[in-house]
Amino acid sequence: MEDFTTLTNEELKNRLAYLKEELQDVENERSFIFKQSGMHVSSSKISMQMEEFDTEIKRLKSQIDACCEAMTSGQA
């Protein structure tokens, strides 16, 4: 996990914006892949992909929470 305590308030704001954008991208990609009905891919491969998306979403949300916490704790 990234150490947000060393970043300035401005750096935290920029990092938070980046993380939120990344989260939105991953969620959009997951949604797009999940809704594909014309693709002929095995269900196990789709299941693995969904797990990867879910893991990445969880990681990004955790980083967003940590970044917000660093911003509100006054450590920046």
N, C-alpha and C. Protein backbone atom coordinates (compact mmCIF):
# COMPACT_ATOMS: atom_id res chain seq x y z
N MET A 1 0.85 -1.17 0.00
CA MET A 1 0.00 0.00 0.00
C MET A 1 0.89 1.23 0.00
N GLU A 2 0.44 2.21 -0.70
CA GLU A 2 1.18 3.46 -0.84
C GLU A 2 1.16 4.24 0.47
N ASP A 3 2.26 4.91 0.78
CA ASP A 3 2.35 5.74 1.99
C ASP A 3 1.97 7.16 1.62
N PHE A 4 0.78 7.57 2.01
CA PHE A 4 0.28 8.90 1.69
C PHE A 4 0.74 9.97 2.68
N THR A 5 1.33 9.55 3.79
CA THR A 5 1.71 10.51 4.83
C THR A 5 2.85 11.42 4.41
N THR A 6 3.58 11.05 3.38
CA THR A 6 4.71 11.86 2.93
C THR A 6 4.32 12.87 1.86
N LEU A 7 3.06 12.85 1.43
CA LEU A 7 2.63 13.73 0.36
C LEU A 7 2.05 15.03 0.90
N THR A 8 2.22 16.09 0.13
CA THR A 8 1.62 17.37 0.50
C THR A 8 0.12 17.31 0.22
N ASN A 9 -0.61 18.29 0.72
CA ASN A 9 -2.06 18.33 0.50
C ASN A 9 -2.38 18.37 -1.00
N GLU A 10 -1.62 19.16 -1.75
CA GLU A 10 -1.84 19.26 -3.20
C GLU A 10 -1.55 17.92 -3.88
N GLU A 11 -0.48 17.25 -3.46
CA GLU A 11 -0.17 15.94 -4.02
C GLU A 11 -1.26 14.92 -3.68
N LEU A 12 -1.80 15.02 -2.47
CA LEU A 12 -2.89 14.11 -2.07
C LEU A 12 -4.12 14.34 -2.93
N LYS A 13 -4.46 15.59 -3.20
CA LYS A 13 -5.61 15.90 -4.05
C LYS A 13 -5.41 15.34 -5.45
N ASN A 14 -4.22 15.51 -5.99
CA ASN A 14 -3.92 14.99 -7.33
C ASN A 14 -3.97 13.47 -7.35
N ARG A 15 -3.42 12.86 -6.32
CA ARG A 15 -3.41 11.39 -6.24
C ARG A 15 -4.83 10.86 -6.10
N LEU A 16 -5.64 11.53 -5.30
CA LEU A 16 -7.02 11.12 -5.11
C LEU A 16 -7.79 11.20 -6.43
N ALA A 17 -7.61 12.28 -7.16
CA ALA A 17 -8.28 12.42 -8.46
C ALA A 17 -7.85 11.31 -9.41
N TYR A 18 -6.55 11.00 -9.42
CA TYR A 18 -6.04 9.92 -10.27
C TYR A 18 -6.65 8.57 -9.88
N LEU A 19 -6.69 8.27 -8.59
CA LEU A 19 -7.23 7.00 -8.12
C LEU A 19 -8.71 6.86 -8.45
N LYS A 20 -9.46 7.95 -8.30
CA LYS A 20 -10.88 7.91 -8.63
C LYS A 20 -11.09 7.68 -10.12
N GLU A 21 -10.25 8.29 -10.94
CA GLU A 21 -10.35 8.08 -12.39
C GLU A 21 -10.01 6.63 -12.75
N GLU A 22 -8.97 6.10 -12.12
CA GLU A 22 -8.60 4.71 -12.36
C GLU A 22 -9.73 3.76 -11.96
N LEU A 23 -10.35 4.03 -10.81
CA LEU A 23 -11.46 3.21 -10.34
C LEU A 23 -12.60 3.24 -11.34
N GLN A 24 -12.93 4.42 -11.83
CA GLN A 24 -14.01 4.55 -12.81
C GLN A 24 -13.69 3.77 -14.08
N ASP A 25 -12.45 3.84 -14.52
CA ASP A 25 -12.03 3.11 -15.72
C ASP A 25 -12.18 1.60 -15.53
N VAL A 26 -11.74 1.10 -14.39
CA VAL A 26 -11.82 -0.34 -14.12
C VAL A 26 -13.28 -0.78 -14.02
N GLU A 27 -14.09 0.02 -13.34
CA GLU A 27 -15.51 -0.32 -13.22
C GLU A 27 -16.21 -0.31 -14.58
N ASN A 28 -15.86 0.66 -15.43
CA ASN A 28 -16.43 0.71 -16.77
C ASN A 28 -16.00 -0.49 -17.61
N GLU A 29 -14.74 -0.84 -17.53
CA GLU A 29 -14.23 -1.98 -18.28
C GLU A 29 -14.89 -3.27 -17.81
N ARG A 30 -15.04 -3.42 -16.50
CA ARG A 30 -15.70 -4.60 -15.95
C ARG A 30 -17.13 -4.69 -16.46
N SER A 31 -17.83 -3.58 -16.42
CA SER A 31 -19.21 -3.53 -16.88
C SER A 31 -19.30 -3.87 -18.36
N PHE A 32 -18.39 -3.33 -19.15
CA PHE A 32 -18.39 -3.59 -20.59
C PHE A 32 -18.17 -5.07 -20.88
N ILE A 33 -17.18 -5.66 -20.23
CA ILE A 33 -16.87 -7.07 -20.43
C ILE A 33 -18.04 -7.94 -19.98
N PHE A 34 -18.62 -7.60 -18.85
CA PHE A 34 -19.71 -8.39 -18.29
C PHE A 34 -20.94 -8.38 -19.20
N LYS A 35 -21.17 -7.28 -19.90
CA LYS A 35 -22.35 -7.14 -20.74
C LYS A 35 -22.17 -7.68 -22.15
N GLN A 36 -20.99 -8.13 -22.49
CA GLN A 36 -20.75 -8.65 -23.83
C GLN A 36 -21.48 -9.97 -24.02
N SER A 37 -22.46 -9.98 -24.90
CA SER A 37 -23.20 -11.21 -25.14
C SER A 37 -22.72 -11.91 -26.41
N GLY A 38 -22.04 -11.20 -27.27
CA GLY A 38 -21.59 -11.79 -28.53
C GLY A 38 -20.24 -12.46 -28.45
N MET A 39 -19.59 -12.34 -27.32
CA MET A 39 -18.26 -12.95 -27.17
C MET A 39 -18.40 -14.43 -26.84
N HIS A 40 -17.57 -15.24 -27.47
CA HIS A 40 -17.56 -16.66 -27.20
C HIS A 40 -16.31 -16.99 -26.40
N VAL A 41 -16.44 -16.80 -25.09
CA VAL A 41 -15.34 -17.03 -24.17
C VAL A 41 -15.85 -17.97 -23.09
N SER A 42 -15.01 -18.85 -22.65
CA SER A 42 -15.43 -19.80 -21.63
C SER A 42 -15.83 -19.08 -20.35
N SER A 43 -16.79 -19.65 -19.65
CA SER A 43 -17.26 -19.02 -18.41
C SER A 43 -16.17 -18.96 -17.35
N SER A 44 -15.26 -19.92 -17.36
CA SER A 44 -14.18 -19.89 -16.37
C SER A 44 -13.24 -18.72 -16.63
N LYS A 45 -13.00 -18.41 -17.90
CA LYS A 45 -12.14 -17.27 -18.23
C LYS A 45 -12.83 -15.96 -17.82
N ILE A 46 -14.13 -15.85 -18.08
CA ILE A 46 -14.87 -14.66 -17.68
C ILE A 46 -14.88 -14.53 -16.17
N SER A 47 -15.07 -15.64 -15.48
CA SER A 47 -15.07 -15.64 -14.02
C SER A 47 -13.72 -15.16 -13.47
N MET A 48 -12.64 -15.63 -14.07
CA MET A 48 -11.30 -15.21 -13.65
C MET A 48 -11.12 -13.71 -13.90
N GLN A 49 -11.60 -13.24 -15.05
CA GLN A 49 -11.48 -11.82 -15.36
C GLN A 49 -12.27 -10.98 -14.37
N MET A 50 -13.47 -11.41 -14.02
CA MET A 50 -14.29 -10.67 -13.06
C MET A 50 -13.60 -10.62 -11.70
N GLU A 51 -12.98 -11.72 -11.30
CA GLU A 51 -12.25 -11.73 -10.03
C GLU A 51 -11.09 -10.74 -10.07
N GLU A 52 -10.40 -10.67 -11.21
CA GLU A 52 -9.29 -9.71 -11.35
C GLU A 52 -9.81 -8.28 -11.25
N PHE A 53 -10.93 -8.00 -11.93
CA PHE A 53 -11.52 -6.67 -11.85
C PHE A 53 -11.91 -6.36 -10.41
N ASP A 54 -12.55 -7.31 -9.74
CA ASP A 54 -13.01 -7.09 -8.37
C ASP A 54 -11.83 -6.83 -7.43
N THR A 55 -10.75 -7.56 -7.63
CA THR A 55 -9.55 -7.36 -6.81
C THR A 55 -8.97 -5.97 -7.03
N GLU A 56 -8.92 -5.55 -8.29
CA GLU A 56 -8.38 -4.23 -8.62
C GLU A 56 -9.29 -3.13 -8.05
N ILE A 57 -10.59 -3.32 -8.15
CA ILE A 57 -11.54 -2.34 -7.60
C ILE A 57 -11.37 -2.23 -6.09
N LYS A 58 -11.23 -3.36 -5.43
CA LYS A 58 -11.04 -3.37 -3.97
C LYS A 58 -9.74 -2.65 -3.60
N ARG A 59 -8.68 -2.89 -4.35
CA ARG A 59 -7.38 -2.25 -4.09
C ARG A 59 -7.48 -0.74 -4.26
N LEU A 60 -8.13 -0.31 -5.34
CA LEU A 60 -8.26 1.13 -5.59
C LEU A 60 -9.12 1.80 -4.52
N LYS A 61 -10.21 1.16 -4.12
CA LYS A 61 -11.06 1.74 -3.07
C LYS A 61 -10.31 1.86 -1.75
N SER A 62 -9.47 0.88 -1.46
CA SER A 62 -8.66 0.92 -0.25
C SER A 62 -7.68 2.09 -0.30
N GLN A 63 -7.06 2.29 -1.47
CA GLN A 63 -6.12 3.40 -1.62
C GLN A 63 -6.84 4.74 -1.53
N ILE A 64 -8.04 4.82 -2.10
CA ILE A 64 -8.82 6.05 -2.02
C ILE A 64 -9.15 6.37 -0.57
N ASP A 65 -9.56 5.36 0.17
CA ASP A 65 -9.85 5.56 1.60
C ASP A 65 -8.62 6.04 2.36
N ALA A 66 -7.48 5.42 2.09
CA ALA A 66 -6.24 5.80 2.77
C ALA A 66 -5.83 7.22 2.41
N CYS A 67 -6.03 7.59 1.16
CA CYS A 67 -5.68 8.94 0.71
C CYS A 67 -6.60 9.96 1.39
N CYS A 68 -7.88 9.67 1.44
CA CYS A 68 -8.84 10.57 2.11
C CYS A 68 -8.51 10.71 3.60
N GLU A 69 -8.14 9.60 4.20
CA GLU A 69 -7.79 9.62 5.62
C GLU A 69 -6.56 10.50 5.86
N ALA A 70 -5.57 10.39 4.98
CA ALA A 70 -4.37 11.21 5.11
C ALA A 70 -4.71 12.69 4.95
N MET A 71 -5.64 12.98 4.06
CA MET A 71 -6.03 14.39 3.84
C MET A 71 -6.75 14.95 5.07
N THR A 72 -7.59 14.16 5.69
CA THR A 72 -8.37 14.66 6.82
C THR A 72 -7.62 14.61 8.14
N SER A 73 -6.56 13.82 8.19
CA SER A 73 -5.81 13.69 9.44
C SER A 73 -4.86 14.87 9.69
N GLY A 74 -4.68 15.67 8.64
CA GLY A 74 -3.80 16.84 8.80
C GLY A 74 -2.33 16.50 8.74
N GLN A 75 -2.01 15.32 8.23
CA GLN A 75 -0.61 14.92 8.14
C GLN A 75 0.07 15.56 6.94
N ALA A 76 -0.70 16.09 6.04
CA ALA A 76 -0.10 16.68 4.84
C ALA A 76 0.24 18.13 5.06
